[in-house]
C-alpha cells in the first residue's frame, strides 16, 4: 500500500525538521514527496546565532582579581547570555525555512554534547555545528575537536606531556566517532598522548602548545608514528567503523530506534565512499521508500525540544516572556546548551514518566490560557546540578504570556481535518475521545488533539 502524499510529507517534515508550519498546510496534501525532499536541501543564507547582551569585556567572573560583587554581576550576565543563546537557537528551529539544517544542528548538539558556562564558547560551538550540519563530517569533527567548549568540557586544557588526561580522547572514540568495541584501552592512551598540547586561550581561540605536546612515537589503531591531534583524527576517519557508527546514530534519530541492518550496511558504505558527505547521506535516507514504511511513521516519542518547537511552528503565537519557555525545557528534561552529560540526552521512552507526561499533555491548554501550570515535583528531584529544585523553579515561574492567533489557525485549517495534519499515524487515535467534548469548535478540536498521547509521537 502506497502512503498518500500528505502522510509522507507530514512524516518527512516531522523528522527532517520540527513539523509543519501553518504556512505549509495548504500545499502539503498534493506536493510530491520528491519535491518536498528537494525543498529541504535548498540553499539558504547562513545566519549566525548569538546572544543579545554585549560580551563581557572588562572582567570575567573567573578573574581572581574580581571582587565578590563583580563576580556576581558577571555571573548574572553569563546566565542571561546563555538563556538568550538558548532561545535564539529555539527561534531558528521554529521560524527558519532552513529546517533540515536546524534539525541536523539539533542532532549534532546532542552528539557533540558539552556543558560549559562560558556563553562565548557556547555560541562559537553552536555555530560551528550549525554551519557544518549538512557539510562534511571530517570538517565538523576537526572544528568541534578544536573548539574551546569541547576542550574545556573534556579537560584537554590539562592534557600535557608526562601528565596525559584521557577524558577527551576516550569520548572522541566512544561517543563521537567509532563507538565501543572498535578500539582498545591502549588506543585511548596513545590518542590522549597525540592530543597533548591542544588547548585554547581566554579569547576563545584554539592553540597548539608545542612545549606541552608529547613528541614520542605512538601506536594507534595499528599505525605507528609521531602522531599529533590532526593525524589521529584522520586515522579514526579511515576506519569504516566510524562511518557505520555515525550512520547508525543518524538512522536511530531520523528513522527508527531499531535500525534495519541492511539499510545501515548500504548507507554506511555510501557514507564512507563519499568521504563523509552528510548531505548525501540525508538525501539517501529521505529519498528511500523504506523511510515512508508504516513501521517508521509515528514510532518515535518527540523530545521536549521537538514537542515545544513543533507547537510554536503550527500555532502562530506571540510569546511576551520567552525566557520562561526555558522552564518547560527544564521540567521536561531538555535544556538546550545543558545536556545531562557528555553522552547527550536520552531518547525514546526515557522522555516519559508520570510527571513529564502529564505536563506534556497540559501544555496546549496552558499556552492557550485554559488552565494554570500544575506540576508535582518528585521528591529530591532537582535540576541544573542541584542549583535549583523544581519546586523552587515553579514558585519563581511567571507565565510565558502567550497569545495565539486563532483566526489565522482557523483560516489555515478551513475545510480540513486537523488530525490529518497534527497526528502522524491517524490509525492510532480514536476520534471519539475528541468528539465527546461539548465544545466542537476548531480551536478546541486542535487543543484537544494536541493534548492526546498520540500527539507525543512523530
Protein backbone atom coordinates (compact mmCIF):
# COMPACT_ATOMS: atom_id res chain seq x y z
CA UNK A 1 0.00 0.00 0.00
CA UNK A 2 1.45 3.39 -1.03
CA UNK A 3 1.40 6.05 1.68
CA UNK A 4 -0.53 9.12 0.40
CA UNK A 5 1.43 12.36 -0.20
CA UNK A 6 0.02 14.16 2.85
CA UNK A 7 1.12 11.40 5.22
CA UNK A 8 4.53 11.16 3.55
CA UNK A 9 5.15 14.90 3.65
CA UNK A 10 3.89 15.20 7.21
CA UNK A 11 6.25 12.41 8.23
CA UNK A 12 9.15 13.97 6.33
CA UNK A 13 8.70 17.39 7.93
CA UNK A 14 8.42 15.92 11.42
CA UNK A 15 11.72 14.06 11.02
CA UNK A 16 13.73 16.39 8.78
CA UNK A 17 12.51 19.48 10.62
CA UNK A 18 10.33 20.43 13.56
CA UNK A 19 6.98 19.73 11.99
CA UNK A 20 4.52 21.56 9.78
CA UNK A 21 4.30 25.33 9.90
CA UNK A 22 0.97 26.98 9.39
CA UNK A 23 2.14 28.35 6.02
CA UNK A 24 2.81 24.81 4.70
CA UNK A 25 -0.64 23.37 5.33
CA UNK A 26 -2.25 24.46 2.07
CA UNK A 27 0.10 22.76 -0.41
CA UNK A 28 1.16 19.80 1.72
CA UNK A 29 -1.57 17.49 0.51
CA UNK A 30 -0.65 17.48 -3.18
CA UNK A 31 3.10 18.05 -3.17
CA UNK A 32 5.12 15.09 -4.38
CA UNK A 33 7.43 13.73 -1.70
CA UNK A 34 10.43 14.03 -4.02
CA UNK A 35 9.70 17.75 -4.35
CA UNK A 36 9.27 18.07 -0.60
CA UNK A 37 12.71 16.48 -0.12
CA UNK A 38 14.20 18.81 -2.71
CA UNK A 39 12.78 21.79 -0.81
CA UNK A 40 14.67 20.67 2.30
CA UNK A 41 18.01 20.96 0.52
CA UNK A 42 17.54 24.44 -0.88
CA UNK A 43 20.42 26.82 -0.22
CA UNK A 44 19.63 29.47 2.37
CA UNK A 45 21.91 32.24 3.71
CA UNK A 46 23.63 31.10 6.89
CA UNK A 47 22.56 33.13 9.93
CA UNK A 48 24.82 33.00 12.96
CA UNK A 49 23.16 32.62 16.34
CA UNK A 50 24.32 34.94 19.08
CA UNK A 51 23.07 36.40 22.34
CA UNK A 52 21.58 39.86 22.67
CA UNK A 53 23.67 41.09 25.61
CA UNK A 54 27.14 42.50 24.76
CA UNK A 55 30.16 40.37 25.60
CA UNK A 56 31.81 40.77 28.98
CA UNK A 57 34.78 42.97 28.19
CA UNK A 58 36.05 44.35 31.50
CA UNK A 59 36.14 41.39 33.80
CA UNK A 60 35.28 37.71 33.78
CA UNK A 61 33.72 36.12 36.82
CA UNK A 62 36.64 33.68 36.86
CA UNK A 63 39.19 36.51 37.21
CA UNK A 64 40.98 36.01 40.55
CA UNK A 65 41.19 39.79 40.98
CA UNK A 66 37.43 40.26 40.73
CA UNK A 67 35.51 41.39 43.80
CA UNK A 68 32.55 39.38 45.08
CA UNK A 69 30.12 41.93 43.62
CA UNK A 70 31.87 41.84 40.25
CA UNK A 71 31.73 38.07 40.19
CA UNK A 72 28.02 38.08 40.99
CA UNK A 73 27.30 40.64 38.29
CA UNK A 74 29.37 38.76 35.73
CA UNK A 75 27.61 35.51 36.64
CA UNK A 76 24.22 37.17 36.09
CA UNK A 77 25.30 38.37 32.65
CA UNK A 78 26.68 34.93 31.81
CA UNK A 79 23.40 33.23 32.75
CA UNK A 80 21.42 35.82 30.78
CA UNK A 81 23.56 35.30 27.69
CA UNK A 82 23.16 31.52 27.83
CA UNK A 83 19.37 31.90 28.09
CA UNK A 84 19.40 34.29 25.12
CA UNK A 85 21.52 31.84 23.12
CA UNK A 86 19.14 29.02 24.02
CA UNK A 87 16.08 30.99 22.92
CA UNK A 88 17.70 32.24 19.71
CA UNK A 89 18.54 28.63 18.80
CA UNK A 90 14.94 27.64 19.51
CA UNK A 91 13.76 30.59 17.44
CA UNK A 92 15.71 29.30 14.43
CA UNK A 93 14.08 25.91 14.89
CA UNK A 94 10.62 27.43 14.86
CA UNK A 95 10.98 30.27 12.33
CA UNK A 96 13.75 29.37 9.88
CA UNK A 97 12.93 27.99 6.44
CA UNK A 98 16.23 26.10 6.66
CA UNK A 99 14.59 23.36 8.70
CA UNK A 100 16.91 20.49 7.85
CA UNK A 101 19.98 22.48 8.87
CA UNK A 102 18.44 23.29 12.25
CA UNK A 103 17.26 19.71 12.79
CA UNK A 104 20.73 18.39 11.93
CA UNK A 105 22.25 21.01 14.23
CA UNK A 106 19.94 19.80 16.99
CA UNK A 107 21.17 16.25 16.35
CA UNK A 108 24.85 17.28 16.42
CA UNK A 109 24.18 19.39 19.53
CA UNK A 110 23.30 16.17 21.34
CA UNK A 111 26.04 14.15 19.63
CA UNK A 112 28.87 16.56 20.48
CA UNK A 113 27.44 17.32 23.90
CA UNK A 114 29.15 19.95 26.03
CA UNK A 115 28.10 21.74 29.18
CA UNK A 116 30.10 24.87 29.95
CA UNK A 117 29.09 28.20 31.48
CA UNK A 118 31.04 30.40 29.08
CA UNK A 119 28.43 31.79 26.64
CA UNK A 120 31.11 32.89 24.17
CA UNK A 121 32.36 29.30 23.93
CA UNK A 122 28.77 28.00 23.67
CA UNK A 123 27.96 30.45 20.87
CA UNK A 124 31.11 29.51 18.99
CA UNK A 125 30.48 25.75 19.15
CA UNK A 126 26.79 26.10 18.31
CA UNK A 127 27.60 27.99 15.13
CA UNK A 128 30.35 25.53 14.19
CA UNK A 129 27.77 22.75 14.45
CA UNK A 130 25.12 24.68 12.54
CA UNK A 131 27.48 25.80 9.78
CA UNK A 132 28.74 22.25 9.19
CA UNK A 133 25.49 20.45 9.95
CA UNK A 134 24.98 19.30 6.35
CA UNK A 135 28.59 19.54 5.23
CA UNK A 136 31.42 17.08 5.71
CA UNK A 137 31.75 15.07 8.91
CA UNK A 138 35.54 15.34 8.79
CA UNK A 139 35.43 19.12 8.83
CA UNK A 140 32.79 19.08 11.54
CA UNK A 141 34.82 16.68 13.69
CA UNK A 142 38.01 18.73 13.34
CA UNK A 143 36.32 22.04 14.16
CA UNK A 144 34.41 20.64 17.14
CA UNK A 145 37.55 18.92 18.46
CA UNK A 146 39.38 22.26 18.43
CA UNK A 147 36.57 24.28 19.98
CA UNK A 148 37.22 25.79 23.43
CA UNK A 149 33.84 24.50 24.67
CA UNK A 150 34.78 20.88 23.92
CA UNK A 151 38.39 21.18 25.09
CA UNK A 152 37.26 22.78 28.34
CA UNK A 153 34.39 20.36 28.97
CA UNK A 154 36.59 17.29 28.49
CA UNK A 155 39.68 18.68 30.22
CA UNK A 156 42.08 18.71 27.28
CA UNK A 157 43.43 22.03 28.51
CA UNK A 158 45.04 19.88 31.23
CA UNK A 159 46.31 17.25 28.78
CA UNK A 160 50.09 17.71 28.79
CA UNK A 161 53.13 15.55 28.13
CA UNK A 162 54.17 13.40 31.11
CA UNK A 163 50.68 14.02 32.60
CA UNK A 164 48.17 12.96 29.91
CA UNK A 165 44.45 13.44 30.57
CA UNK A 166 42.40 10.79 28.78
CA UNK A 167 38.90 12.35 29.06
CA UNK A 168 38.79 13.95 25.63
CA UNK A 169 40.49 11.02 23.88
CA UNK A 170 38.10 8.49 25.42
CA UNK A 171 34.95 10.35 24.40
CA UNK A 172 36.25 11.06 20.89
CA UNK A 173 36.49 7.30 20.40
CA UNK A 174 33.49 6.10 22.35
CA UNK A 175 30.86 8.75 21.66
CA UNK A 176 31.92 10.92 18.73
CA UNK A 177 33.38 8.56 16.13
CA UNK A 178 33.85 4.79 16.46
CA UNK A 179 31.76 3.51 19.34
CA UNK A 180 32.69 0.86 21.89
CA UNK A 181 34.28 -2.38 20.77
CA UNK A 182 36.34 -0.89 17.96
CA UNK A 183 39.44 0.16 19.90
CA UNK A 184 41.48 -0.81 22.97
CA UNK A 185 42.45 0.94 26.19
CA UNK A 186 45.94 1.26 24.73
CA UNK A 187 44.48 3.13 21.75
CA UNK A 188 42.87 5.60 24.17
CA UNK A 189 46.17 6.18 25.98
CA UNK A 190 48.01 6.73 22.70
CA UNK A 191 45.25 9.01 21.44
CA UNK A 192 45.50 11.10 24.60
CA UNK A 193 49.26 11.46 24.02
CA UNK A 194 48.58 12.70 20.48
CA UNK A 195 46.19 15.32 21.81
CA UNK A 196 48.65 16.70 24.38
CA UNK A 197 49.14 20.43 23.91
CA UNK A 198 45.74 21.13 22.36
CA UNK A 199 44.06 23.97 24.25
CA UNK A 200 42.60 27.45 23.97
CA UNK A 201 43.25 31.00 25.14
CA UNK A 202 40.95 33.35 27.02
CA UNK A 203 39.83 34.95 23.74
CA UNK A 204 38.31 31.61 22.75
CA UNK A 205 40.88 30.70 20.13
CA UNK A 206 42.33 27.23 19.62
CA UNK A 207 46.04 27.00 20.43
CA UNK A 208 48.50 24.19 19.89
CA UNK A 209 51.17 24.35 22.62
CA UNK A 210 54.32 22.64 21.30
CA UNK A 211 56.05 22.61 24.69
CA UNK A 212 53.14 20.61 26.13
CA UNK A 213 52.99 18.08 23.28
CA UNK A 214 54.33 14.54 23.62
CA UNK A 215 56.60 14.14 20.60
CA UNK A 216 57.31 10.46 21.21
CA UNK A 217 56.33 7.62 18.88
CA UNK A 218 52.76 6.38 19.27
CA UNK A 219 50.97 3.27 18.05
CA UNK A 220 47.31 3.93 17.39
CA UNK A 221 44.76 1.67 15.66
CA UNK A 222 47.57 -0.37 14.16
CA UNK A 223 49.62 2.56 12.87
CA UNK A 224 52.87 3.84 14.34
CA UNK A 225 54.36 7.32 14.10
CA UNK A 226 54.97 10.62 15.81
CA UNK A 227 51.28 11.50 15.64
CA UNK A 228 49.64 14.78 16.59
CA UNK A 229 45.93 15.50 17.04
CA UNK A 230 45.23 16.01 13.33
CA UNK A 231 46.99 12.75 12.46
CA UNK A 232 44.94 10.63 14.84
CA UNK A 233 41.62 12.17 13.79
CA UNK A 234 42.48 11.28 10.19
CA UNK A 235 43.31 7.71 11.24
CA UNK A 236 39.95 7.47 13.00
CA UNK A 237 38.20 8.62 9.83
CA UNK A 238 39.98 5.91 7.84
CA UNK A 239 38.11 3.29 9.88
CA UNK A 240 34.87 2.02 8.36
CA UNK A 241 33.63 1.57 11.92
CA UNK A 242 33.42 5.36 12.16
CA UNK A 243 31.14 5.65 9.12
CA UNK A 244 28.96 2.84 10.48
CA UNK A 245 28.73 4.34 13.98
CA UNK A 246 27.69 7.78 12.71
CA UNK A 247 25.26 6.32 10.16
CA UNK A 248 23.61 4.16 12.82
CA UNK A 249 23.20 7.06 15.21
CA UNK A 250 21.69 9.26 12.49
CA UNK A 251 19.36 6.41 11.45
CA UNK A 252 18.15 5.97 15.04
CA UNK A 253 17.48 9.70 15.35
CA UNK A 254 15.77 10.27 11.99
CA UNK A 255 14.22 6.90 11.09
CA UNK A 256 13.78 4.26 13.78
CA UNK A 257 15.45 3.47 17.10
CA UNK A 258 15.56 -0.17 15.98
CA UNK A 259 17.79 0.10 12.90
CA UNK A 260 17.43 -2.16 9.89
CA UNK A 261 20.91 -3.61 9.41
CA UNK A 262 20.53 -3.99 5.65
CA UNK A 263 19.77 -0.30 5.38
CA UNK A 264 22.65 0.56 7.72
CA UNK A 265 25.09 -1.54 5.69
CA UNK A 266 24.19 0.20 2.44
CA UNK A 267 24.07 3.71 3.91
CA UNK A 268 27.34 3.41 5.84
CA UNK A 269 29.20 2.10 2.78
CA UNK A 270 27.90 5.05 0.75
CA UNK A 271 28.79 7.47 3.57
CA UNK A 272 32.35 6.15 3.73
CA UNK A 273 32.74 6.19 -0.06
CA UNK A 274 31.53 9.81 -0.18
CA UNK A 275 34.25 10.74 2.30
CA UNK A 276 31.64 11.55 4.93
CA UNK A 277 29.28 13.77 2.95
CA UNK A 278 26.43 14.37 5.41
CA UNK A 279 24.10 15.93 2.84
CA UNK A 280 24.36 12.87 0.55
CA UNK A 281 23.62 10.57 3.48
CA UNK A 282 20.48 12.51 4.41
CA UNK A 283 19.28 12.62 0.79
CA UNK A 284 19.68 8.83 0.57
CA UNK A 285 17.58 8.40 3.71
CA UNK A 286 14.75 10.77 2.78
CA UNK A 287 14.50 9.53 -0.83
CA UNK A 288 14.37 5.85 0.20
CA UNK A 289 10.99 4.15 0.01
CA UNK A 290 11.60 2.41 3.35
CA UNK A 291 11.75 5.80 5.11
CA UNK A 292 7.99 6.03 4.50
CA UNK A 293 7.15 2.49 5.62
CA UNK A 294 4.34 2.31 8.16
CA UNK A 295 6.73 0.89 10.78
CA UNK A 296 8.76 4.11 10.63
CA UNK A 297 5.81 6.51 10.96
CA UNK A 298 4.57 7.65 14.36
CA UNK A 299 7.03 5.34 16.11
CA UNK A 300 9.22 7.91 17.91
CA UNK A 301 8.44 9.91 21.04
CA UNK A 302 9.10 13.59 20.50
CA UNK A 303 11.89 15.04 22.56
CA UNK A 304 10.88 18.09 24.63
CA UNK A 305 12.55 20.38 22.08
CA UNK A 306 10.70 18.72 19.18
CA UNK A 307 7.43 18.99 21.09
CA UNK A 308 7.86 22.66 22.01
CA UNK A 309 9.26 23.76 18.64
CA UNK A 310 6.53 21.84 16.80
CA UNK A 311 3.76 23.58 18.75
CA UNK A 312 5.27 27.01 18.12
CA UNK A 313 5.57 26.25 14.38
CA UNK A 314 1.99 25.11 13.88
CA UNK A 315 0.31 27.73 16.11
CA UNK A 316 1.24 31.33 15.25
CA UNK A 317 1.87 32.91 18.61
CA UNK A 318 3.36 35.90 20.33
CA UNK A 319 5.42 34.96 23.38
CA UNK A 320 5.86 38.04 25.57
CA UNK A 321 8.04 36.31 28.19
CA UNK A 322 10.09 33.90 26.03
CA UNK A 323 12.68 33.37 28.77
CA UNK A 324 10.05 31.37 30.63
CA UNK A 325 9.93 28.81 27.82
CA UNK A 326 13.20 27.54 29.32
CA UNK A 327 11.18 26.49 32.37
CA UNK A 328 9.35 23.96 30.22
CA UNK A 329 12.67 22.76 28.81
CA UNK A 330 13.98 22.18 32.33
CA UNK A 331 10.86 20.49 33.65
CA UNK A 332 10.64 18.19 30.64
CA UNK A 333 14.33 17.33 30.84
CA UNK A 334 15.93 19.00 27.82
CA UNK A 335 17.51 22.39 28.42
CA UNK A 336 19.31 23.46 25.25
CA UNK A 337 23.05 24.06 25.87
CA UNK A 338 22.87 22.00 29.06
CA UNK A 339 22.87 18.26 28.26
CA UNK A 340 23.00 15.99 31.32
CA UNK A 341 26.45 14.65 30.42
CA UNK A 342 28.87 14.06 27.56
CA UNK A 343 26.63 11.30 26.17
CA UNK A 344 23.95 13.89 25.46
CA UNK A 345 20.25 13.45 26.09
CA UNK A 346 18.49 10.10 26.26
CA UNK A 347 15.69 9.25 23.84
CA UNK A 348 12.55 7.21 23.41
CA UNK A 349 10.62 6.16 26.49
CA UNK A 350 13.15 7.85 28.76
CA UNK A 351 11.37 11.13 27.94
CA UNK A 352 8.19 9.93 29.57
CA UNK A 353 7.34 9.42 33.22
CA UNK A 354 4.17 10.15 35.18
CA UNK A 355 5.02 13.81 35.82
CA UNK A 356 6.53 14.76 32.46
CA UNK A 357 3.72 13.08 30.50
CA UNK A 358 1.11 14.99 32.46
CA UNK A 359 2.84 18.30 31.77
CA UNK A 360 3.28 17.42 28.08
CA UNK A 361 -0.45 16.76 27.77
CA UNK A 362 -1.31 20.01 29.56
CA UNK A 363 0.93 22.40 27.61
CA UNK A 364 -1.59 23.08 24.78
CA UNK A 365 -4.20 24.08 27.37
CA UNK A 366 -1.74 26.09 29.47
CA UNK A 367 -0.43 28.01 26.46
CA UNK A 368 -4.00 28.62 25.28
CA UNK A 369 -4.85 30.16 28.64
CA UNK A 370 -7.34 27.46 29.58
CA UNK A 371 -5.58 26.21 32.71
CA UNK A 372 -2.67 27.12 35.01
CA UNK A 373 0.51 25.11 35.17
CA UNK A 374 0.19 22.23 37.65
CA UNK A 375 3.29 20.21 38.28
CA UNK A 376 4.18 17.87 41.14
CA UNK A 377 7.92 17.74 41.65
CA UNK A 378 9.35 14.38 42.58
CA UNK A 379 10.95 14.14 46.00
CA UNK A 380 14.65 15.08 45.96
CA UNK A 381 14.36 15.80 42.26
CA UNK A 382 16.48 18.71 41.12
CA UNK A 383 17.96 20.22 38.02
CA UNK A 384 20.96 22.28 37.00
CA UNK A 385 23.29 20.10 39.09
CA UNK A 386 21.33 20.79 42.28
CA UNK A 387 21.30 24.56 41.94
CA UNK A 388 17.54 24.94 41.83
CA UNK A 389 14.83 22.44 42.72
CA UNK A 390 11.77 22.01 40.54
CA UNK A 391 9.60 23.30 43.37
CA UNK A 392 11.68 26.49 43.59
CA UNK A 393 11.63 26.82 39.82
CA UNK A 394 7.84 26.63 39.64
CA UNK A 395 7.47 29.02 42.57
CA UNK A 396 9.54 31.60 40.72
CA UNK A 397 7.87 30.86 37.38
CA UNK A 398 5.98 33.53 35.51
CA UNK A 399 3.62 32.72 32.66
CA UNK A 400 5.16 32.80 29.18
CA UNK A 401 2.26 35.18 28.41
CA UNK A 402 1.33 33.64 25.07
CA UNK A 403 -1.22 34.98 22.62
CA UNK A 404 -2.20 32.57 19.84
CA UNK A 405 -3.65 33.92 16.58
CA UNK A 406 -6.60 31.57 16.41
CA UNK A 407 -8.11 33.42 13.42
CA UNK A 408 -5.04 32.54 11.37
CA UNK A 409 -5.26 28.95 12.59
CA UNK A 410 -8.93 28.68 11.60
CA UNK A 411 -8.19 30.14 8.17
CA UNK A 412 -5.35 27.64 7.57
CA UNK A 413 -7.42 24.64 8.69
CA UNK A 414 -10.65 25.65 6.92
CA UNK A 415 -12.31 22.62 5.31
CA UNK A 416 -9.55 20.33 6.64
CA UNK A 417 -9.44 17.69 9.32
CA UNK A 418 -6.90 18.86 11.94
CA UNK A 419 -5.98 15.30 12.86
CA UNK A 420 -4.69 14.73 9.31
CA UNK A 421 -2.03 17.35 9.95
CA UNK A 422 -1.39 17.06 13.70
CA UNK A 423 -1.27 13.29 14.24
CA UNK A 424 1.41 11.28 12.46
CA UNK A 425 -0.44 7.97 12.41
CA UNK A 426 -4.16 8.71 12.43
CA UNK A 427 -4.92 4.98 12.72
CA UNK A 428 -3.68 5.16 16.31
CA UNK A 429 -6.14 7.78 17.52
CA UNK A 430 -9.76 7.20 18.44
CA UNK A 431 -11.55 10.38 17.34
CA UNK A 432 -14.44 9.52 19.66
CA UNK A 433 -12.29 10.77 22.52
CA UNK A 434 -12.16 14.17 20.80
CA UNK A 435 -15.80 14.29 19.66
CA UNK A 436 -17.11 13.66 23.20
CA UNK A 437 -16.33 17.23 24.27
CA UNK A 438 -19.23 19.67 24.19
CA UNK A 439 -17.16 22.44 22.56
CA UNK A 440 -16.61 21.24 18.99
CA UNK A 441 -15.04 24.45 17.70
CA UNK A 442 -11.95 24.12 15.52
CA UNK A 443 -9.90 25.80 18.23
CA UNK A 444 -10.91 23.25 20.88
CA UNK A 445 -10.51 20.34 18.47
CA UNK A 446 -6.92 21.40 17.84
CA UNK A 447 -6.19 21.92 21.54
CA UNK A 448 -7.72 18.53 22.38
CA UNK A 449 -5.78 16.78 19.61
CA UNK A 450 -2.52 18.32 20.82
CA UNK A 451 -3.37 17.15 24.34
CA UNK A 452 -3.51 13.47 23.35
CA UNK A 453 -0.78 10.84 23.84
CA UNK A 454 -0.82 10.32 20.06
CA UNK A 455 0.40 13.88 19.52
CA UNK A 456 3.53 12.97 21.51
CA UNK A 457 4.58 10.69 18.65
CA UNK A 458 6.24 11.57 15.38
